[in-house]
Amino acid sequence: MRAGQKVRLKAASPLKQQLNLPSEALGAVLCSYGLLRATGVTRRRLDVRFGSGLVIWGVPDDQFETVEDDAA
């Protein structure tokens, strides 16, 4: 995923339920980066803005799904 891309949290994401976001809530990727672990495995993380009041930081990218531009 890349900066500026539209995303939404997957239905099964625990974060979606914790934040109580509606299923139609769309966010924009602010930043995509990798965290290198001691084992050498890199995990992709995202910082995502939902509207003007909510930014979530460092969430694993597998918690999100992309949204096609024509659906946004």
Protein backbone atom coordinates (compact mmCIF):
# COMPACT_ATOMS: atom_id res chain seq x y z
CA MET A 1 0.00 0.00 0.00
CA ARG A 2 1.20 3.51 -0.72
CA ALA A 3 0.70 7.01 0.66
CA GLY A 4 -2.59 8.54 -0.46
CA GLN A 5 -4.25 5.21 -1.17
CA LYS A 6 -7.81 4.71 0.13
CA VAL A 7 -8.26 1.84 2.58
CA ARG A 8 -10.70 0.45 5.10
CA LEU A 9 -10.22 -1.86 8.04
CA LYS A 10 -11.15 -5.47 7.33
CA ALA A 11 -14.40 -6.66 8.90
CA ALA A 12 -12.53 -9.18 11.07
CA SER A 13 -9.99 -6.64 12.33
CA PRO A 14 -10.01 -6.36 16.14
CA LEU A 15 -9.06 -2.69 15.75
CA LYS A 16 -12.23 -1.98 13.77
CA GLN A 17 -14.33 -3.36 16.58
CA GLN A 18 -12.25 -1.59 19.24
CA LEU A 19 -12.62 1.80 17.51
CA ASN A 20 -16.27 1.09 16.67
CA LEU A 21 -15.83 2.31 13.09
CA PRO A 22 -18.72 1.88 10.65
CA SER A 23 -18.11 -0.59 7.82
CA GLU A 24 -18.13 2.23 5.25
CA ALA A 25 -15.39 4.24 7.04
CA LEU A 26 -12.61 5.03 4.57
CA GLY A 27 -9.12 6.17 5.45
CA ALA A 28 -6.14 7.48 3.54
CA VAL A 29 -2.68 6.02 4.00
CA LEU A 30 -0.32 8.66 5.37
CA CYS A 31 2.75 6.46 5.44
CA SER A 32 3.71 2.86 4.71
CA TYR A 33 6.90 1.43 6.21
CA GLY A 34 8.54 -1.78 7.32
CA LEU A 35 9.79 -2.80 10.75
CA LEU A 36 12.77 -5.12 10.69
CA ARG A 37 12.70 -7.72 13.43
CA ALA A 38 15.72 -9.50 14.93
CA THR A 39 14.68 -12.61 12.98
CA GLY A 40 15.16 -10.68 9.74
CA VAL A 41 11.43 -10.63 8.93
CA THR A 42 10.02 -7.27 7.88
CA ARG A 43 6.44 -6.43 8.89
CA ARG A 44 4.68 -3.74 6.88
CA ARG A 45 2.95 -1.04 8.94
CA LEU A 46 0.62 1.80 8.01
CA ASP A 47 -0.29 5.17 9.46
CA VAL A 48 -3.86 5.96 8.33
CA ARG A 49 -6.11 9.01 8.69
CA PHE A 50 -9.87 8.50 9.04
CA GLY A 51 -11.54 11.88 8.61
CA SER A 52 -10.14 14.90 10.38
CA GLY A 53 -10.24 13.55 13.91
CA LEU A 54 -8.76 10.06 13.88
CA VAL A 55 -5.28 8.92 12.90
CA ILE A 56 -4.11 5.41 13.70
CA TRP A 57 -0.38 4.77 13.82
CA GLY A 58 1.68 1.68 13.11
CA VAL A 59 -1.08 -0.79 12.32
CA PRO A 60 -0.06 -3.97 10.46
CA ASP A 61 -1.02 -3.65 6.80
CA ASP A 62 -2.84 -7.00 6.87
CA GLN A 63 -5.59 -5.31 8.93
CA PHE A 64 -6.60 -3.22 5.89
CA GLU A 65 -8.08 -3.73 2.45
CA THR A 66 -7.69 -1.33 -0.43
CA VAL A 67 -10.64 0.53 -1.91
CA GLU A 68 -10.88 1.15 -5.64
CA ASP A 69 -10.82 4.86 -6.55
CA ASP A 70 -14.19 4.69 -8.33
CA ALA A 71 -15.81 3.25 -5.16
CA ALA A 72 -14.44 5.99 -2.90
